[in-house]
């Protein structure tokens, strides 16, 4: 089936589609995706029995009847359809990537632009080779602007996602030490994320670039750039929430940390480019409340908890520790969990975080995970796993400011039940 025909079918079914038989609705199109541990083709018959109008498969043995569409590769066809649909809509697409802060920045951009436009954006962090096409296919004729988050852990991934989404605008949050195992080195990270600049330049689009980040300015020098100038949105306060000045207004956010200052001013600059009013920019930022274990402030048993347990890498870990150090509070504690996907740099990076934490002289420092445990020393408490912590921990915390941070696989939000 040609992509034009598939798209016509997609529109005829009122964009009713799914990749999950648990979410089948009547007359949906089911895309039978494959993964390392699953094969969607197996569920084609079940999808039709549950009410799907069509199933798209790539294994002939699962063909059922004329409701079955056989293609060479379901994922490729899903991505081709997403790209065709994006071109069909012809709307501005803002894409963003980076080592840290992608999701928060995406949410801020969405909230700001949504004050004046009908916006469709990546749900949660569905930012990979499947999530990006799903995001595009959820945009419809009412969508005026799309905001697409892109994640990657290898070279050429951002390049490919840009070909799928065809963005007109691009923003890179930062070049940090994330996914070193896949990218191979810090230069590999810069090269991989800069694939967005390459696409934007070739597509004659616009790149938003923080003027205070020399590497980004250098990497984007062949793009048509809109520069984010921090002096236009100066930081006023950081104890604990980010407060900025913008166009004779004071904007009080619900986000903590210098790292979120960068995210906020990027969203402000992008909103300004799309002619969002100063009043609406202020309203959107002040109304945004972080969720999903990202820079959340929680009060519990007399303690103030910074829950930043969605993910972690050396760059974001250092930034979180620096932020805690800078807070003007009497007593501080940290729970830090292992950082994953660091490859051969893992030992060095975990050792460095341990040393930085101990040198900070927090009232309590607790490390969780086998990577950190290898660097056990005086000045902190080390546990090999969350279970080990849970079985041996007797909290006596009161009136502390506590940072909880670790990679997603550590699921350190469970510590809330122990405090």
Protein backbone atom coordinates (compact mmCIF):
# COMPACT_ATOMS: atom_id res chain seq x y z
CA UNK A 1 0.00 0.00 0.00
CA UNK A 2 1.36 3.41 -0.99
CA UNK A 3 1.81 5.95 1.77
CA UNK A 4 -0.82 8.25 0.23
CA UNK A 5 -3.36 5.42 0.36
CA UNK A 6 -2.44 4.59 3.95
CA UNK A 7 -2.78 8.24 4.92
CA UNK A 8 -6.22 8.44 3.30
CA UNK A 9 -7.21 5.37 5.32
CA UNK A 10 -5.75 6.96 8.45
CA UNK A 11 -7.87 10.10 7.94
CA UNK A 12 -10.94 8.03 7.04
CA UNK A 13 -10.61 6.26 10.40
CA UNK A 14 -10.44 9.72 12.02
CA UNK A 15 -6.82 9.20 13.09
CA UNK A 16 -7.89 6.37 15.36
CA UNK A 17 -4.76 4.24 15.74
CA UNK A 18 -2.76 2.33 18.34
CA UNK A 19 0.32 0.17 18.79
CA UNK A 20 -1.10 -1.53 21.89
CA UNK A 21 -3.94 -4.07 21.80
CA UNK A 22 -4.75 -3.15 25.40
CA UNK A 23 -5.84 0.25 24.09
CA UNK A 24 -7.82 -0.86 21.05
CA UNK A 25 -10.92 1.19 20.29
CA UNK A 26 -13.56 0.46 17.68
CA UNK A 27 -12.40 1.05 14.08
CA UNK A 28 -8.79 1.71 15.08
CA UNK A 29 -5.75 0.93 12.93
CA UNK A 30 -3.38 -1.37 14.80
CA UNK A 31 0.34 -1.12 14.00
CA UNK A 32 2.00 -4.44 14.92
CA UNK A 33 5.38 -3.17 16.08
CA UNK A 34 8.24 -5.44 17.07
CA UNK A 35 10.80 -5.08 19.84
CA UNK A 36 13.55 -7.12 21.45
CA UNK A 37 11.06 -8.90 23.66
CA UNK A 38 7.76 -8.66 21.77
CA UNK A 39 6.21 -9.19 18.34
CA UNK A 40 3.05 -7.24 17.60
CA UNK A 41 2.22 -9.46 14.65
CA UNK A 42 1.13 -12.11 17.14
CA UNK A 43 -1.67 -9.83 18.32
CA UNK A 44 -3.09 -8.93 14.90
CA UNK A 45 -6.01 -11.33 15.15
CA UNK A 46 -6.77 -10.24 18.71
CA UNK A 47 -6.78 -6.59 17.58
CA UNK A 48 -9.43 -7.32 14.93
CA UNK A 49 -11.50 -9.30 17.42
CA UNK A 50 -11.39 -6.30 19.78
CA UNK A 51 -12.80 -4.02 17.10
CA UNK A 52 -9.85 -2.75 15.07
CA UNK A 53 -10.76 -1.88 11.48
CA UNK A 54 -7.32 -2.71 10.10
CA UNK A 55 -4.06 -4.24 11.26
CA UNK A 56 -0.67 -3.46 9.76
CA UNK A 57 1.76 -6.37 9.91
CA UNK A 58 5.14 -7.31 8.43
CA UNK A 59 5.04 -11.12 8.72
CA UNK A 60 3.00 -12.86 6.02
CA UNK A 61 2.13 -15.81 8.26
CA UNK A 62 -0.14 -13.54 10.32
CA UNK A 63 -2.22 -12.37 7.34
CA UNK A 64 -5.94 -12.79 8.08
CA UNK A 65 -8.15 -11.12 5.43
CA UNK A 66 -8.59 -7.85 3.55
CA UNK A 67 -8.47 -6.00 6.87
CA UNK A 68 -4.79 -6.99 7.07
CA UNK A 69 -2.22 -4.71 5.46
CA UNK A 70 1.13 -6.39 4.86
CA UNK A 71 4.19 -4.11 4.69
CA UNK A 72 7.95 -4.67 4.64
CA UNK A 73 8.52 -3.15 8.07
CA UNK A 74 5.80 -1.82 10.39
CA UNK A 75 8.05 0.66 12.19
CA UNK A 76 9.32 2.11 8.91
CA UNK A 77 5.75 2.44 7.66
CA UNK A 78 4.65 4.13 10.90
CA UNK A 79 7.48 6.66 10.57
CA UNK A 80 6.74 7.24 6.86
CA UNK A 81 3.08 7.82 7.67
CA UNK A 82 4.00 10.24 10.45
CA UNK A 83 6.25 12.21 8.11
CA UNK A 84 3.59 12.27 5.37
CA UNK A 85 0.97 13.42 7.89
CA UNK A 86 3.28 16.13 9.18
CA UNK A 87 3.78 17.41 5.60
CA UNK A 88 0.03 17.16 5.00
CA UNK A 89 -0.67 19.41 8.00
CA UNK A 90 2.02 21.90 6.98
CA UNK A 91 2.24 23.48 10.44
CA UNK A 92 5.30 24.88 12.26
CA UNK A 93 7.11 22.19 14.23
CA UNK A 94 9.45 23.09 17.10
CA UNK A 95 11.88 20.27 17.91
CA UNK A 96 14.15 20.08 20.92
CA UNK A 97 16.81 17.75 22.20
CA UNK A 98 19.72 17.86 24.66
CA UNK A 99 21.29 15.90 27.48
CA UNK A 100 19.20 17.44 30.27
CA UNK A 101 16.06 19.48 30.65
CA UNK A 102 14.29 18.40 27.44
CA UNK A 103 10.97 17.47 28.98
CA UNK A 104 10.74 20.45 31.33
CA UNK A 105 11.63 22.86 28.53
CA UNK A 106 9.14 21.17 26.20
CA UNK A 107 6.40 21.51 28.80
CA UNK A 108 7.20 25.19 29.34
CA UNK A 109 7.18 25.90 25.60
CA UNK A 110 3.87 24.07 25.25
CA UNK A 111 2.28 25.95 28.14
CA UNK A 112 3.43 29.33 26.82
CA UNK A 113 2.38 28.80 23.20
CA UNK A 114 -0.92 27.19 24.24
CA UNK A 115 -2.05 30.53 25.66
CA UNK A 116 -2.61 31.76 22.09
CA UNK A 117 -2.45 28.73 19.78
CA UNK A 118 -3.80 25.20 19.55
CA UNK A 119 -0.68 23.20 20.42
CA UNK A 120 0.11 19.49 20.22
CA UNK A 121 3.23 18.28 22.02
CA UNK A 122 5.07 15.12 22.97
CA UNK A 123 3.24 13.33 25.78
CA UNK A 124 5.54 12.73 28.75
CA UNK A 125 8.92 11.72 27.38
CA UNK A 126 7.76 9.69 24.35
CA UNK A 127 10.74 11.02 22.47
CA UNK A 128 12.26 8.06 20.63
CA UNK A 129 11.88 6.37 17.22
CA UNK A 130 8.35 5.29 18.20
CA UNK A 131 7.32 8.22 20.39
CA UNK A 132 8.12 10.89 17.78
CA UNK A 133 5.89 9.40 15.05
CA UNK A 134 3.11 8.81 17.60
CA UNK A 135 3.34 12.48 18.58
CA UNK A 136 3.04 13.60 14.96
CA UNK A 137 0.14 11.26 14.22
CA UNK A 138 -1.79 12.69 17.18
CA UNK A 139 -1.74 16.14 15.57
CA UNK A 140 -4.88 16.99 13.62
CA UNK A 141 -6.42 19.66 11.44
CA UNK A 142 -7.00 21.86 14.50
CA UNK A 143 -3.33 21.81 15.52
CA UNK A 144 -1.60 25.12 14.80
CA UNK A 145 1.88 24.44 16.21
CA UNK A 146 3.63 21.19 17.18
CA UNK A 147 6.30 20.75 19.84
CA UNK A 148 8.35 17.56 19.49
CA UNK A 149 10.88 16.29 22.02
CA UNK A 150 13.68 14.08 20.66
CA UNK A 151 15.88 11.78 22.71
CA UNK A 152 18.88 9.75 21.59
CA UNK A 153 21.67 7.56 22.94
CA UNK A 154 23.57 6.94 19.69
CA UNK A 155 24.84 8.92 16.72
CA UNK A 156 22.44 9.42 13.78
CA UNK A 157 19.31 9.06 15.94
CA UNK A 158 18.54 12.79 16.08
CA UNK A 159 19.26 13.00 12.37
CA UNK A 160 16.68 10.29 11.69
CA UNK A 161 14.06 11.78 14.03
CA UNK A 162 14.47 15.13 12.30
CA UNK A 163 13.83 13.49 8.93
CA UNK A 164 10.62 12.04 10.38
CA UNK A 165 9.37 15.23 12.05
CA UNK A 166 10.82 17.78 9.57
CA UNK A 167 11.03 20.59 12.14
CA UNK A 168 11.14 24.26 11.14
CA UNK A 169 12.63 25.28 14.49
CA UNK A 170 15.19 23.57 16.70
CA UNK A 171 16.55 23.99 20.22
CA UNK A 172 19.25 22.04 22.06
CA UNK A 173 19.10 22.41 25.85
CA UNK A 174 22.74 21.47 26.51
CA UNK A 175 25.59 19.07 25.81
CA UNK A 176 25.94 17.02 29.00
CA UNK A 177 27.46 13.71 30.02
CA UNK A 178 24.43 11.54 29.25
CA UNK A 179 24.41 8.19 27.40
CA UNK A 180 28.20 8.16 27.18
CA UNK A 181 28.07 4.43 26.61
CA UNK A 182 26.16 4.89 23.35
CA UNK A 183 27.76 8.10 22.10
CA UNK A 184 31.27 6.93 22.99
CA UNK A 185 32.64 10.23 24.28
CA UNK A 186 31.68 13.78 25.20
CA UNK A 187 32.54 14.87 21.66
CA UNK A 188 30.24 12.11 20.42
CA UNK A 189 27.44 13.64 22.50
CA UNK A 190 28.05 17.08 21.00
CA UNK A 191 28.14 15.61 17.51
CA UNK A 192 24.98 13.56 18.07
CA UNK A 193 22.91 16.40 19.49
CA UNK A 194 24.22 18.81 16.82
CA UNK A 195 22.57 16.67 14.17
CA UNK A 196 19.57 18.88 14.89
CA UNK A 197 21.55 21.96 13.84
CA UNK A 198 22.58 20.12 10.67
CA UNK A 199 18.98 19.41 9.78
CA UNK A 200 17.74 22.92 10.62
CA UNK A 201 20.48 24.48 8.50
CA UNK A 202 19.73 22.25 5.50
CA UNK A 203 15.99 22.86 5.87
CA UNK A 204 16.56 26.62 6.11
CA UNK A 205 14.84 26.66 9.48
CA UNK A 206 15.65 28.59 12.65
CA UNK A 207 17.78 27.41 15.57
CA UNK A 208 17.28 28.90 19.03
CA UNK A 209 20.70 29.18 20.69
CA UNK A 210 21.74 30.34 24.17
CA UNK A 211 24.27 33.08 23.57
CA UNK A 212 26.05 32.27 26.85
CA UNK A 213 26.98 28.75 25.69
CA UNK A 214 30.06 29.07 23.42
CA UNK A 215 30.05 25.47 22.17
CA UNK A 216 26.45 25.81 21.01
CA UNK A 217 27.07 29.16 19.37
CA UNK A 218 30.04 27.62 17.55
CA UNK A 219 28.15 24.50 16.49
CA UNK A 220 25.18 26.50 15.19
CA UNK A 221 27.20 29.08 13.26
CA UNK A 222 25.89 27.82 9.90
CA UNK A 223 22.22 28.10 11.03
CA UNK A 224 19.83 31.00 10.91
CA UNK A 225 19.81 31.65 14.66
CA UNK A 226 17.58 33.40 17.15
CA UNK A 227 19.81 33.99 20.16
CA UNK A 228 18.58 33.58 23.72
CA UNK A 229 20.14 36.45 25.64
CA UNK A 230 20.17 35.86 29.42
CA UNK A 231 20.67 39.58 30.06
CA UNK A 232 17.15 40.14 28.66
CA UNK A 233 15.71 37.75 31.27
CA UNK A 234 18.05 38.11 34.27
CA UNK A 235 17.94 35.74 37.22
CA UNK A 236 16.65 37.57 40.30
CA UNK A 237 16.43 34.85 42.91
CA UNK A 238 17.13 31.17 43.41
CA UNK A 239 16.05 30.25 46.93
CA UNK A 240 14.63 27.81 46.20
CA UNK A 241 12.53 28.77 43.15
CA UNK A 242 13.75 30.48 40.00
CA UNK A 243 12.61 34.08 39.73
CA UNK A 244 13.41 36.16 36.65
CA UNK A 245 12.77 39.62 35.28
CA UNK A 246 11.20 39.93 31.85
CA UNK A 247 9.84 43.04 30.11
CA UNK A 248 9.34 44.99 33.34
CA UNK A 249 7.68 41.97 34.97
CA UNK A 250 8.83 39.71 37.76
CA UNK A 251 8.10 36.06 36.93
CA UNK A 252 8.04 33.67 39.88
CA UNK A 253 8.32 30.07 38.74
CA UNK A 254 7.71 26.82 40.60
CA UNK A 255 11.01 25.40 39.37
CA UNK A 256 14.21 25.11 41.36
CA UNK A 257 17.85 25.23 40.27
CA UNK A 258 20.06 27.27 37.96
CA UNK A 259 19.59 24.54 35.37
CA UNK A 260 15.88 25.36 35.23
CA UNK A 261 16.71 29.04 34.75
CA UNK A 262 18.18 28.06 31.37
CA UNK A 263 15.05 26.06 30.55
CA UNK A 264 12.77 28.95 31.47
CA UNK A 265 14.57 31.64 29.47
CA UNK A 266 14.66 29.36 26.41
CA UNK A 267 10.89 28.90 26.62
CA UNK A 268 10.45 32.66 27.06
CA UNK A 269 12.56 33.40 23.96
CA UNK A 270 10.65 30.85 21.88
CA UNK A 271 7.33 32.22 23.10
CA UNK A 272 8.46 35.73 22.23
CA UNK A 273 9.42 34.59 18.73
CA UNK A 274 5.86 33.34 18.23
CA UNK A 275 4.49 36.68 19.46
CA UNK A 276 3.06 35.37 22.71
CA UNK A 277 2.15 38.36 24.86
CA UNK A 278 4.35 39.23 27.83
CA UNK A 279 1.35 38.74 30.10
CA UNK A 280 0.67 35.24 28.76
CA UNK A 281 4.32 34.24 29.05
CA UNK A 282 4.31 35.25 32.70
CA UNK A 283 1.01 33.47 33.36
CA UNK A 284 2.14 30.24 31.71
CA UNK A 285 5.43 30.01 33.60
CA UNK A 286 3.90 30.86 36.95
CA UNK A 287 1.12 28.29 36.46
CA UNK A 288 3.46 25.45 35.50
CA UNK A 289 3.93 22.90 38.31
CA UNK A 290 6.62 20.23 37.73
CA UNK A 291 5.49 16.62 38.02
CA UNK A 292 6.69 13.08 37.33
CA UNK A 293 9.61 13.18 39.80
CA UNK A 294 11.25 16.15 38.04
CA UNK A 295 12.42 18.94 40.37
CA UNK A 296 9.35 18.51 42.55
CA UNK A 297 9.27 20.21 45.94
CA UNK A 298 7.47 18.08 48.53
CA UNK A 299 6.88 18.77 52.22
CA UNK A 300 6.84 15.71 54.47
CA UNK A 301 7.29 15.23 58.22
CA UNK A 302 8.82 18.67 58.64
CA UNK A 303 11.26 18.20 55.76
CA UNK A 304 11.49 19.93 52.38
CA UNK A 305 12.23 17.32 49.71
CA UNK A 306 13.61 18.01 46.24
CA UNK A 307 12.42 14.97 44.31
CA UNK A 308 14.45 14.83 41.11
CA UNK A 309 14.41 11.08 40.62
CA UNK A 310 13.21 10.79 37.04
CA UNK A 311 16.73 10.41 35.69
CA UNK A 312 20.37 11.30 36.30
CA UNK A 313 23.73 11.66 34.61
CA UNK A 314 26.96 13.29 35.82
CA UNK A 315 26.03 16.72 34.45
CA UNK A 316 22.57 16.83 35.99
CA UNK A 317 23.86 15.30 39.24
CA UNK A 318 26.50 18.02 39.60
CA UNK A 319 23.94 20.71 38.85
CA UNK A 320 21.56 19.34 41.50
CA UNK A 321 24.36 19.22 44.10
CA UNK A 322 25.43 22.77 43.25
CA UNK A 323 21.85 23.93 43.63
CA UNK A 324 21.52 22.29 47.05
CA UNK A 325 24.83 23.81 48.11
CA UNK A 326 23.59 27.26 47.15
CA UNK A 327 20.32 27.05 49.08
CA UNK A 328 20.26 29.15 52.23
CA UNK A 329 18.91 26.53 54.61
CA UNK A 330 20.29 25.17 57.87
CA UNK A 331 20.37 21.41 57.34
CA UNK A 332 20.80 19.44 54.12
CA UNK A 333 20.74 15.77 53.13
CA UNK A 334 21.16 13.83 49.89
CA UNK A 335 20.06 10.43 48.62
CA UNK A 336 21.92 9.72 45.40
CA UNK A 337 21.37 6.65 43.23
CA UNK A 338 23.49 5.04 40.52
CA UNK A 339 23.83 6.66 37.10
CA UNK A 340 23.44 4.30 34.14
CA UNK A 341 24.65 4.13 30.51
CA UNK A 342 28.04 5.71 31.24
CA UNK A 343 30.14 2.95 29.68
CA UNK A 344 33.86 2.99 30.45
CA UNK A 345 33.53 6.37 32.23
CA UNK A 346 31.20 4.95 34.88
CA UNK A 347 33.78 4.41 37.64
CA UNK A 348 35.38 7.81 37.16
CA UNK A 349 32.04 9.65 37.13
CA UNK A 350 30.63 7.88 40.18
CA UNK A 351 33.87 8.46 42.09
CA UNK A 352 33.77 12.15 41.18
CA UNK A 353 30.18 12.55 42.41
CA UNK A 354 31.03 10.80 45.69
CA UNK A 355 33.97 13.13 46.27
CA UNK A 356 31.99 16.24 45.35
CA UNK A 357 29.20 15.24 47.72
CA UNK A 358 31.50 14.50 50.65
CA UNK A 359 33.39 17.77 50.10
CA UNK A 360 30.06 19.60 50.29
CA UNK A 361 29.71 18.66 53.97
CA UNK A 362 25.99 17.97 53.89
CA UNK A 363 24.50 16.88 57.20
CA UNK A 364 23.65 13.48 55.71
CA UNK A 365 24.87 11.85 52.49
CA UNK A 366 23.48 8.49 51.42
CA UNK A 367 24.44 6.62 48.24
CA UNK A 368 22.39 3.77 46.78
CA UNK A 369 23.53 1.26 44.15
CA UNK A 370 26.44 -0.98 43.25
CA UNK A 371 28.23 1.65 41.14
CA UNK A 372 28.43 4.10 44.03
CA UNK A 373 29.16 1.32 46.54
CA UNK A 374 32.48 0.63 44.78
CA UNK A 375 33.66 4.02 46.05
CA UNK A 376 32.57 3.58 49.65
CA UNK A 377 34.45 5.84 52.07
CA UNK A 378 34.08 7.81 55.28
CA UNK A 379 31.81 10.82 55.31
CA UNK A 380 28.78 9.09 53.78
CA UNK A 381 26.62 5.98 54.07
CA UNK A 382 26.50 3.49 51.21
CA UNK A 383 23.91 0.84 50.34
CA UNK A 384 24.17 -1.65 47.49
CA UNK A 385 20.49 -1.36 46.54
CA UNK A 386 17.21 0.25 47.51
CA UNK A 387 16.19 -2.98 49.24
CA UNK A 388 19.40 -2.83 51.29
CA UNK A 389 18.56 0.76 52.25
CA UNK A 390 14.96 -0.08 53.09
CA UNK A 391 15.97 -2.96 55.38
CA UNK A 392 18.59 -0.97 57.31
CA UNK A 393 17.37 2.63 57.33
CA UNK A 394 16.06 4.31 60.50
CA UNK A 395 15.21 7.91 59.60
CA UNK A 396 15.51 10.63 62.21
CA UNK A 397 15.10 13.52 59.78
CA UNK A 398 13.49 16.76 60.90
CA UNK A 399 13.61 20.20 59.26
CA UNK A 400 16.05 19.09 56.56
CA UNK A 401 16.16 20.03 52.91
CA UNK A 402 16.63 16.68 51.15
CA UNK A 403 17.70 16.01 47.57
CA UNK A 404 16.68 12.66 46.03
CA UNK A 405 18.26 11.97 42.65
CA UNK A 406 19.20 8.91 40.58
CA UNK A 407 18.71 7.22 37.24
CA UNK A 408 15.23 6.00 36.31
CA UNK A 409 16.17 2.38 36.91
CA UNK A 410 16.83 3.16 40.57
CA UNK A 411 13.23 4.40 41.13
CA UNK A 412 14.33 6.49 44.10
CA UNK A 413 10.90 8.07 44.52
CA UNK A 414 10.32 5.02 46.75
CA UNK A 415 12.47 6.79 49.36
CA UNK A 416 9.49 9.06 50.08
CA UNK A 417 7.89 6.11 51.87
CA UNK A 418 10.88 5.86 54.20
CA UNK A 419 11.21 9.49 55.27
